[in-house]
Amino acid sequence: MNKLTSAIRKFLRPGDGESGSAAVEFGMIAPILLLITFAVLEFGLVLFEEHRATEATRRGARQGVIGASIADLATLAPATKIICKSVAGAVDCGGVTVTSAATFNTILADMQAILPDITAAHVNVVYSDSGLGAIASGGIKPFVTVSLNNYQHKFIALGVFPGMPAQITLPDFAATEVPGGWAP
């Protein structure tokens, strides 16, 4: 037992001239380790937010095809697009008559159910000619594309470090559906 206790004491006792050097070395390395740890966590949060943005856009496109069209699609000519977006709190379709602003609000609400920070300014709904359908069967079936633009992720952990940005703009997301269940 004597040999064991003396070995433990020798192990726990700092060597000559080394008292406190481990604490100084740790103090020099700790900020770098902390930055790397927070960067890994923040990277995971950004990936999760990108996944949520993709799913929100997909859900918005699905709502766009099952709801009434936002714009008067009778004016949709071959090889053209109708872009609907929120301008100063109202839905604008670039001069085309807005037939259902409520559908835009429903699309936005469905997207906000997944990603609450989305605002109407982030969302565009585009109707474009798909070449599917016929006039006799109820008209042309347009592609409905919902896009999420200029959405920013605000850093939680990295923002506290000097020199790090407070936020990052995610890439634009888009999802396209066709009424009737066809997808491009």
C-alpha atoms as a PDB file:
ATOM      1  CA  MET A   1       0.000   0.000   0.000  1.00  0.00           C
ATOM      2  CA  ASN A   2       2.926   2.294   0.738  1.00  0.00           C
ATOM      3  CA  LYS A   3       4.305   1.948  -2.776  1.00  0.00           C
ATOM      4  CA  LEU A   4       0.885   2.674  -4.269  1.00  0.00           C
ATOM      5  CA  THR A   5       0.326   5.874  -2.289  1.00  0.00           C
ATOM      6  CA  SER A   6       3.822   7.126  -3.030  1.00  0.00           C
ATOM      7  CA  ALA A   7       3.292   6.459  -6.757  1.00  0.00           C
ATOM      8  CA  ILE A   8       0.001   8.365  -6.686  1.00  0.00           C
ATOM      9  CA  ARG A   9       1.581  11.293  -4.862  1.00  0.00           C
ATOM     10  CA  LYS A  10       4.471  11.378  -7.306  1.00  0.00           C
ATOM     11  CA  PHE A  11       2.010  11.318 -10.232  1.00  0.00           C
ATOM     12  CA  LEU A  12      -0.146  14.110  -8.798  1.00  0.00           C
ATOM     13  CA  ARG A  13       2.774  16.299  -7.760  1.00  0.00           C
ATOM     14  CA  PRO A  14       4.005  18.689 -10.442  1.00  0.00           C
ATOM     15  CA  GLY A  15       7.583  18.395 -11.541  1.00  0.00           C
ATOM     16  CA  ASP A  16      10.269  20.879 -10.617  1.00  0.00           C
ATOM     17  CA  GLY A  17       9.803  24.212 -12.386  1.00  0.00           C
ATOM     18  CA  GLU A  18       6.520  23.201 -14.023  1.00  0.00           C
ATOM     19  CA  SER A  19       3.978  24.475 -11.504  1.00  0.00           C
ATOM     20  CA  GLY A  20       1.227  26.380 -13.315  1.00  0.00           C
ATOM     21  CA  SER A  21       2.524  25.830 -16.845  1.00  0.00           C
ATOM     22  CA  ALA A  22      -0.417  23.557 -17.733  1.00  0.00           C
ATOM     23  CA  ALA A  23      -2.881  26.257 -16.703  1.00  0.00           C
ATOM     24  CA  VAL A  24      -1.081  28.845 -18.852  1.00  0.00           C
ATOM     25  CA  GLU A  25      -1.002  26.478 -21.845  1.00  0.00           C
ATOM     26  CA  PHE A  26      -4.682  25.694 -21.395  1.00  0.00           C
ATOM     27  CA  GLY A  27      -5.448  29.427 -21.183  1.00  0.00           C
ATOM     28  CA  MET A  28      -3.732  29.933 -24.530  1.00  0.00           C
ATOM     29  CA  ILE A  29      -5.512  27.028 -26.269  1.00  0.00           C
ATOM     30  CA  ALA A  30      -8.993  27.352 -24.675  1.00  0.00           C
ATOM     31  CA  PRO A  31     -10.271  30.257 -26.844  1.00  0.00           C
ATOM     32  CA  ILE A  32      -9.329  28.397 -30.025  1.00  0.00           C
ATOM     33  CA  LEU A  33     -11.003  25.199 -28.807  1.00  0.00           C
ATOM     34  CA  LEU A  34     -14.092  27.190 -27.817  1.00  0.00           C
ATOM     35  CA  LEU A  35     -14.254  28.858 -31.236  1.00  0.00           C
ATOM     36  CA  ILE A  36     -13.961  25.512 -33.030  1.00  0.00           C
ATOM     37  CA  THR A  37     -16.653  23.976 -30.814  1.00  0.00           C
ATOM     38  CA  PHE A  38     -19.070  26.848 -31.411  1.00  0.00           C
ATOM     39  CA  ALA A  39     -18.284  26.843 -35.148  1.00  0.00           C
ATOM     40  CA  VAL A  40     -19.188  23.143 -35.398  1.00  0.00           C
ATOM     41  CA  LEU A  41     -22.427  23.724 -33.485  1.00  0.00           C
ATOM     42  CA  GLU A  42     -23.322  26.757 -35.607  1.00  0.00           C
ATOM     43  CA  PHE A  43     -22.582  24.835 -38.814  1.00  0.00           C
ATOM     44  CA  GLY A  44     -25.053  22.167 -37.680  1.00  0.00           C
ATOM     45  CA  LEU A  45     -27.672  24.856 -37.010  1.00  0.00           C
ATOM     46  CA  VAL A  46     -27.153  26.368 -40.473  1.00  0.00           C
ATOM     47  CA  LEU A  47     -27.590  22.950 -42.107  1.00  0.00           C
ATOM     48  CA  PHE A  48     -30.757  22.363 -40.102  1.00  0.00           C
ATOM     49  CA  GLU A  49     -32.108  25.778 -41.103  1.00  0.00           C
ATOM     50  CA  GLU A  50     -31.348  25.031 -44.763  1.00  0.00           C
ATOM     51  CA  HIS A  51     -33.308  21.794 -44.437  1.00  0.00           C
ATOM     52  CA  ARG A  52     -36.240  23.650 -42.873  1.00  0.00           C
ATOM     53  CA  ALA A  53     -36.135  26.285 -45.644  1.00  0.00           C
ATOM     54  CA  THR A  54     -36.204  23.552 -48.298  1.00  0.00           C
ATOM     55  CA  GLU A  55     -39.159  21.854 -46.626  1.00  0.00           C
ATOM     56  CA  ALA A  56     -41.006  25.165 -46.174  1.00  0.00           C
ATOM     57  CA  THR A  57     -40.559  25.955 -49.858  1.00  0.00           C
ATOM     58  CA  ARG A  58     -41.798  22.502 -50.858  1.00  0.00           C
ATOM     59  CA  ARG A  59     -44.831  22.874 -48.627  1.00  0.00           C
ATOM     60  CA  GLY A  60     -45.537  26.329 -50.073  1.00  0.00           C
ATOM     61  CA  ALA A  61     -45.429  24.935 -53.613  1.00  0.00           C
ATOM     62  CA  ARG A  62     -47.828  22.164 -52.641  1.00  0.00           C
ATOM     63  CA  GLN A  63     -50.224  24.715 -51.158  1.00  0.00           C
ATOM     64  CA  GLY A  64     -49.847  26.769 -54.342  1.00  0.00           C
ATOM     65  CA  VAL A  65     -51.214  23.944 -56.505  1.00  0.00           C
ATOM     66  CA  ILE A  66     -54.050  22.838 -54.227  1.00  0.00           C
ATOM     67  CA  GLY A  67     -55.302  26.370 -53.523  1.00  0.00           C
ATOM     68  CA  ALA A  68     -56.911  28.779 -55.952  1.00  0.00           C
ATOM     69  CA  SER A  69     -54.454  30.513 -58.277  1.00  0.00           C
ATOM     70  CA  ILE A  70     -53.269  33.891 -57.052  1.00  0.00           C
ATOM     71  CA  ALA A  71     -53.355  35.477 -60.512  1.00  0.00           C
ATOM     72  CA  ASP A  72     -55.762  35.329 -63.442  1.00  0.00           C
ATOM     73  CA  LEU A  73     -54.189  32.479 -65.416  1.00  0.00           C
ATOM     74  CA  ALA A  74     -56.282  33.192 -68.518  1.00  0.00           C
ATOM     75  CA  THR A  75     -53.589  35.738 -69.403  1.00  0.00           C
ATOM     76  CA  LEU A  76     -50.784  33.134 -69.150  1.00  0.00           C
ATOM     77  CA  ALA A  77     -49.446  32.744 -72.676  1.00  0.00           C
ATOM     78  CA  PRO A  78     -47.029  30.045 -73.864  1.00  0.00           C
ATOM     79  CA  ALA A  79     -43.420  30.684 -72.778  1.00  0.00           C
ATOM     80  CA  THR A  80     -44.420  33.408 -70.304  1.00  0.00           C
ATOM     81  CA  LYS A  81     -44.439  33.764 -66.533  1.00  0.00           C
ATOM     82  CA  ILE A  82     -46.589  35.512 -63.971  1.00  0.00           C
ATOM     83  CA  ILE A  83     -44.618  36.460 -60.850  1.00  0.00           C
ATOM     84  CA  CYS A  84     -46.628  37.202 -57.715  1.00  0.00           C
ATOM     85  CA  LYS A  85     -45.029  38.745 -54.631  1.00  0.00           C
ATOM     86  CA  SER A  86     -45.844  40.945 -51.700  1.00  0.00           C
ATOM     87  CA  VAL A  87     -45.311  44.657 -52.291  1.00  0.00           C
ATOM     88  CA  ALA A  88     -46.023  47.043 -49.408  1.00  0.00           C
ATOM     89  CA  GLY A  89     -48.332  44.511 -47.739  1.00  0.00           C
ATOM     90  CA  ALA A  90     -50.392  43.739 -50.858  1.00  0.00           C
ATOM     91  CA  VAL A  91     -50.009  40.954 -53.402  1.00  0.00           C
ATOM     92  CA  ASP A  92     -48.806  42.134 -56.816  1.00  0.00           C
ATOM     93  CA  CYS A  93     -48.629  39.947 -59.912  1.00  0.00           C
ATOM     94  CA  GLY A  94     -46.893  42.388 -62.236  1.00  0.00           C
ATOM     95  CA  GLY A  95     -49.979  43.947 -63.788  1.00  0.00           C
ATOM     96  CA  VAL A  96     -51.996  40.720 -63.977  1.00  0.00           C
ATOM     97  CA  THR A  97     -55.273  40.686 -62.027  1.00  0.00           C
ATOM     98  CA  VAL A  98     -54.921  39.186 -58.539  1.00  0.00           C
ATOM     99  CA  THR A  99     -57.767  36.701 -58.104  1.00  0.00           C
ATOM    100  CA  SER A 100     -56.903  35.234 -54.694  1.00  0.00           C
ATOM    101  CA  ALA A 101     -54.565  37.096 -52.358  1.00  0.00           C
ATOM    102  CA  ALA A 102     -55.750  34.664 -49.680  1.00  0.00           C
ATOM    103  CA  THR A 103     -53.838  31.854 -51.421  1.00  0.00           C
ATOM    104  CA  PHE A 104     -50.606  33.850 -51.125  1.00  0.00           C
ATOM    105  CA  ASN A 105     -51.299  34.348 -47.414  1.00  0.00           C
ATOM    106  CA  THR A 106     -52.036  30.621 -47.002  1.00  0.00           C
ATOM    107  CA  ILE A 107     -48.771  29.720 -48.752  1.00  0.00           C
ATOM    108  CA  LEU A 108     -46.920  32.119 -46.446  1.00  0.00           C
ATOM    109  CA  ALA A 109     -48.634  30.712 -43.335  1.00  0.00           C
ATOM    110  CA  ASP A 110     -47.770  27.132 -44.346  1.00  0.00           C
ATOM    111  CA  MET A 111     -44.140  28.144 -44.854  1.00  0.00           C
ATOM    112  CA  GLN A 112     -44.061  29.998 -41.520  1.00  0.00           C
ATOM    113  CA  ALA A 113     -45.332  26.864 -39.764  1.00  0.00           C
ATOM    114  CA  ILE A 114     -41.931  25.325 -40.532  1.00  0.00           C
ATOM    115  CA  LEU A 115     -39.711  28.411 -40.501  1.00  0.00           C
ATOM    116  CA  PRO A 116     -41.376  31.203 -38.460  1.00  0.00           C
ATOM    117  CA  ASP A 117     -38.935  33.962 -39.469  1.00  0.00           C
ATOM    118  CA  ILE A 118     -40.083  33.935 -43.106  1.00  0.00           C
ATOM    119  CA  THR A 119     -41.799  37.168 -44.138  1.00  0.00           C
ATOM    120  CA  ALA A 120     -43.917  37.942 -47.207  1.00  0.00           C
ATOM    121  CA  ALA A 121     -40.946  39.811 -48.704  1.00  0.00           C
ATOM    122  CA  HIS A 122     -39.001  36.517 -48.847  1.00  0.00           C
ATOM    123  CA  VAL A 123     -41.645  34.658 -50.921  1.00  0.00           C
ATOM    124  CA  ASN A 124     -42.308  34.699 -54.675  1.00  0.00           C
ATOM    125  CA  VAL A 125     -44.928  32.585 -56.464  1.00  0.00           C
ATOM    126  CA  VAL A 126     -44.343  32.086 -60.186  1.00  0.00           C
ATOM    127  CA  TYR A 127     -46.857  30.639 -62.645  1.00  0.00           C
ATOM    128  CA  SER A 128     -45.270  29.494 -65.905  1.00  0.00           C
ATOM    129  CA  ASP A 129     -46.511  27.642 -68.967  1.00  0.00           C
ATOM    130  CA  SER A 130     -45.959  23.896 -68.652  1.00  0.00           C
ATOM    131  CA  GLY A 131     -47.335  22.848 -72.022  1.00  0.00           C
ATOM    132  CA  LEU A 132     -49.577  20.353 -70.199  1.00  0.00           C
ATOM    133  CA  GLY A 133     -53.350  20.215 -70.498  1.00  0.00           C
ATOM    134  CA  ALA A 134     -55.716  21.437 -73.151  1.00  0.00           C
ATOM    135  CA  ILE A 135     -58.230  24.237 -73.424  1.00  0.00           C
ATOM    136  CA  ALA A 136     -61.126  21.736 -73.744  1.00  0.00           C
ATOM    137  CA  SER A 137     -60.221  19.984 -70.472  1.00  0.00           C
ATOM    138  CA  GLY A 138     -60.218  23.100 -68.317  1.00  0.00           C
ATOM    139  CA  GLY A 139     -57.179  24.951 -69.544  1.00  0.00           C
ATOM    140  CA  ILE A 140     -53.428  24.772 -69.456  1.00  0.00           C
ATOM    141  CA  LYS A 141     -51.905  23.432 -66.249  1.00  0.00           C
ATOM    142  CA  PRO A 142     -49.118  25.843 -65.244  1.00  0.00           C
ATOM    143  CA  PHE A 143     -45.987  25.099 -63.305  1.00  0.00           C
ATOM    144  CA  VAL A 144     -46.300  26.681 -59.856  1.00  0.00           C
ATOM    145  CA  THR A 145     -42.904  27.618 -58.435  1.00  0.00           C
ATOM    146  CA  VAL A 146     -42.578  28.973 -54.916  1.00  0.00           C
ATOM    147  CA  SER A 147     -39.227  30.499 -54.035  1.00  0.00           C
ATOM    148  CA  LEU A 148     -37.698  31.681 -50.794  1.00  0.00           C
ATOM    149  CA  ASN A 149     -35.219  34.509 -51.403  1.00  0.00           C
ATOM    150  CA  ASN A 150     -32.737  36.485 -49.287  1.00  0.00           C
ATOM    151  CA  TYR A 151     -33.434  34.553 -46.083  1.00  0.00           C
ATOM    152  CA  GLN A 152     -30.796  35.171 -43.422  1.00  0.00           C
ATOM    153  CA  HIS A 153     -29.617  32.899 -40.624  1.00  0.00           C
ATOM    154  CA  LYS A 154     -28.673  34.847 -37.514  1.00  0.00           C
ATOM    155  CA  PHE A 155     -25.709  33.313 -35.727  1.00  0.00           C
ATOM    156  CA  ILE A 156     -26.350  32.328 -32.148  1.00  0.00           C
ATOM    157  CA  ALA A 157     -22.926  31.297 -30.901  1.00  0.00           C
ATOM    158  CA  LEU A 158     -20.461  32.762 -33.392  1.00  0.00           C
ATOM    159  CA  GLY A 159     -21.852  36.290 -33.220  1.00  0.00           C
ATOM    160  CA  VAL A 160     -20.246  36.850 -29.817  1.00  0.00           C
ATOM    161  CA  PHE A 161     -16.705  36.396 -31.146  1.00  0.00           C
ATOM    162  CA  PRO A 162     -15.006  39.566 -32.415  1.00  0.00           C
ATOM    163  CA  GLY A 163     -14.649  39.691 -36.187  1.00  0.00           C
ATOM    164  CA  MET A 164     -17.372  37.108 -36.850  1.00  0.00           C
ATOM    165  CA  PRO A 165     -20.465  38.147 -38.860  1.00  0.00           C
ATOM    166  CA  ALA A 166     -23.807  38.378 -37.047  1.00  0.00           C
ATOM    167  CA  GLN A 167     -25.693  36.596 -39.854  1.00  0.00           C
ATOM    168  CA  ILE A 168     -25.345  34.836 -43.179  1.00  0.00           C
ATOM    169  CA  THR A 169     -27.657  34.937 -46.218  1.00  0.00           C
ATOM    170  CA  LEU A 170     -28.758  31.452 -47.231  1.00  0.00           C
ATOM    171  CA  PRO A 171     -29.003  30.541 -50.909  1.00  0.00           C
ATOM    172  CA  ASP A 172     -32.357  30.947 -52.655  1.00  0.00           C
ATOM    173  CA  PHE A 173     -34.698  27.952 -52.444  1.00  0.00           C
ATOM    174  CA  ALA A 174     -37.345  26.980 -55.012  1.00  0.00           C
ATOM    175  CA  ALA A 175     -39.852  24.164 -55.405  1.00  0.00           C
ATOM    176  CA  THR A 176     -42.046  23.527 -58.449  1.00  0.00           C
ATOM    177  CA  GLU A 177     -45.316  21.608 -58.684  1.00  0.00           C
ATOM    178  CA  VAL A 178     -47.968  21.105 -61.360  1.00  0.00           C
ATOM    179  CA  PRO A 179     -51.678  20.916 -60.518  1.00  0.00           C
ATOM    180  CA  GLY A 180     -52.948  17.383 -60.758  1.00  0.00           C
ATOM    181  CA  GLY A 181     -49.916  15.787 -59.130  1.00  0.00           C
ATOM    182  CA  TRP A 182     -47.381  16.027 -61.965  1.00  0.00           C
ATOM    183  CA  ALA A 183     -43.995  17.339 -60.926  1.00  0.00           C
ATOM    184  CA  PRO A 184     -41.254  18.505 -63.314  1.00  0.00           C
END
